[in-house]
C-alpha atoms as a PDB file:
ATOM      1  CA  GLU A   1     -81.911 122.154 163.918  1.00  0.00           C
ATOM      2  CA  TYR A   2     -84.904 121.931 163.083  1.00  0.00           C
ATOM      3  CA  ILE A   3     -83.959 119.863 159.864  1.00  0.00           C
ATOM      4  CA  THR A   4     -81.810 117.873 161.149  1.00  0.00           C
ATOM      5  CA  LEU A   5     -84.508 116.572 163.807  1.00  0.00           C
ATOM      6  CA  GLN A   6     -87.219 116.192 160.700  1.00  0.00           C
ATOM      7  CA  LYS A   7     -84.213 114.399 158.946  1.00  0.00           C
ATOM      8  CA  ASN A   8     -83.856 111.749 161.196  1.00  0.00           C
ATOM      9  CA  LYS A   9     -87.599 111.221 162.074  1.00  0.00           C
ATOM     10  CA  LEU A  10     -87.874 110.762 157.917  1.00  0.00           C
ATOM     11  CA  ILE A  11     -85.131 108.123 157.925  1.00  0.00           C
ATOM     12  CA  LYS A  12     -86.677 106.686 161.354  1.00  0.00           C
ATOM     13  CA  THR A  13     -90.034 106.141 159.373  1.00  0.00           C
ATOM     14  CA  ILE A  14     -88.635 104.867 156.331  1.00  0.00           C
ATOM     15  CA  ALA A  15     -87.142 102.474 158.331  1.00  0.00           C
ATOM     16  CA  TYR A  16     -89.958 101.260 159.763  1.00  0.00           C
ATOM     17  CA  ILE A  17     -91.577 100.838 156.765  1.00  0.00           C
ATOM     18  CA  LYS A  18     -89.070  98.992 155.470  1.00  0.00           C
ATOM     19  CA  GLN A  19     -89.117  96.212 158.451  1.00  0.00           C
ATOM     20  CA  ASN A  20     -93.073  96.120 158.091  1.00  0.00           C
ATOM     21  CA  LEU A  21     -92.500  95.532 154.402  1.00  0.00           C
ATOM     22  CA  LYS A  22     -90.281  92.617 154.749  1.00  0.00           C
ATOM     23  CA  GLN A  23     -92.309  90.920 157.582  1.00  0.00           C
ATOM     24  CA  VAL A  24     -95.356  91.122 154.878  1.00  0.00           C
ATOM     25  CA  ILE A  25     -93.517  90.117 151.802  1.00  0.00           C
ATOM     26  CA  SER A  26     -92.376  86.548 154.458  1.00  0.00           C
ATOM     27  CA  ILE A  27     -96.271  86.280 156.092  1.00  0.00           C
ATOM     28  CA  GLU A  28     -97.190  86.283 152.154  1.00  0.00           C
ATOM     29  CA  ILE A  29     -94.575  84.248 150.951  1.00  0.00           C
ATOM     30  CA  LYS A  30     -95.356  81.485 154.201  1.00  0.00           C
ATOM     31  CA  GLN A  31     -99.718  81.734 152.832  1.00  0.00           C
ATOM     32  CA  ASN A  32     -98.447  81.120 149.362  1.00  0.00           C
ATOM     33  CA  GLU A  33     -96.704  77.478 150.046  1.00  0.00           C
ATOM     34  CA  ILE A  34     -99.899  76.199 151.825  1.00  0.00           C
END
């Protein structure tokens, strides 16, 4: 059960990082357009 818990934590963390990366990239693109 502990392993499953860690796996879920990892999946959530990765999803969170991916979302943050998307936001950062879109901000970078917007700044480059100016």
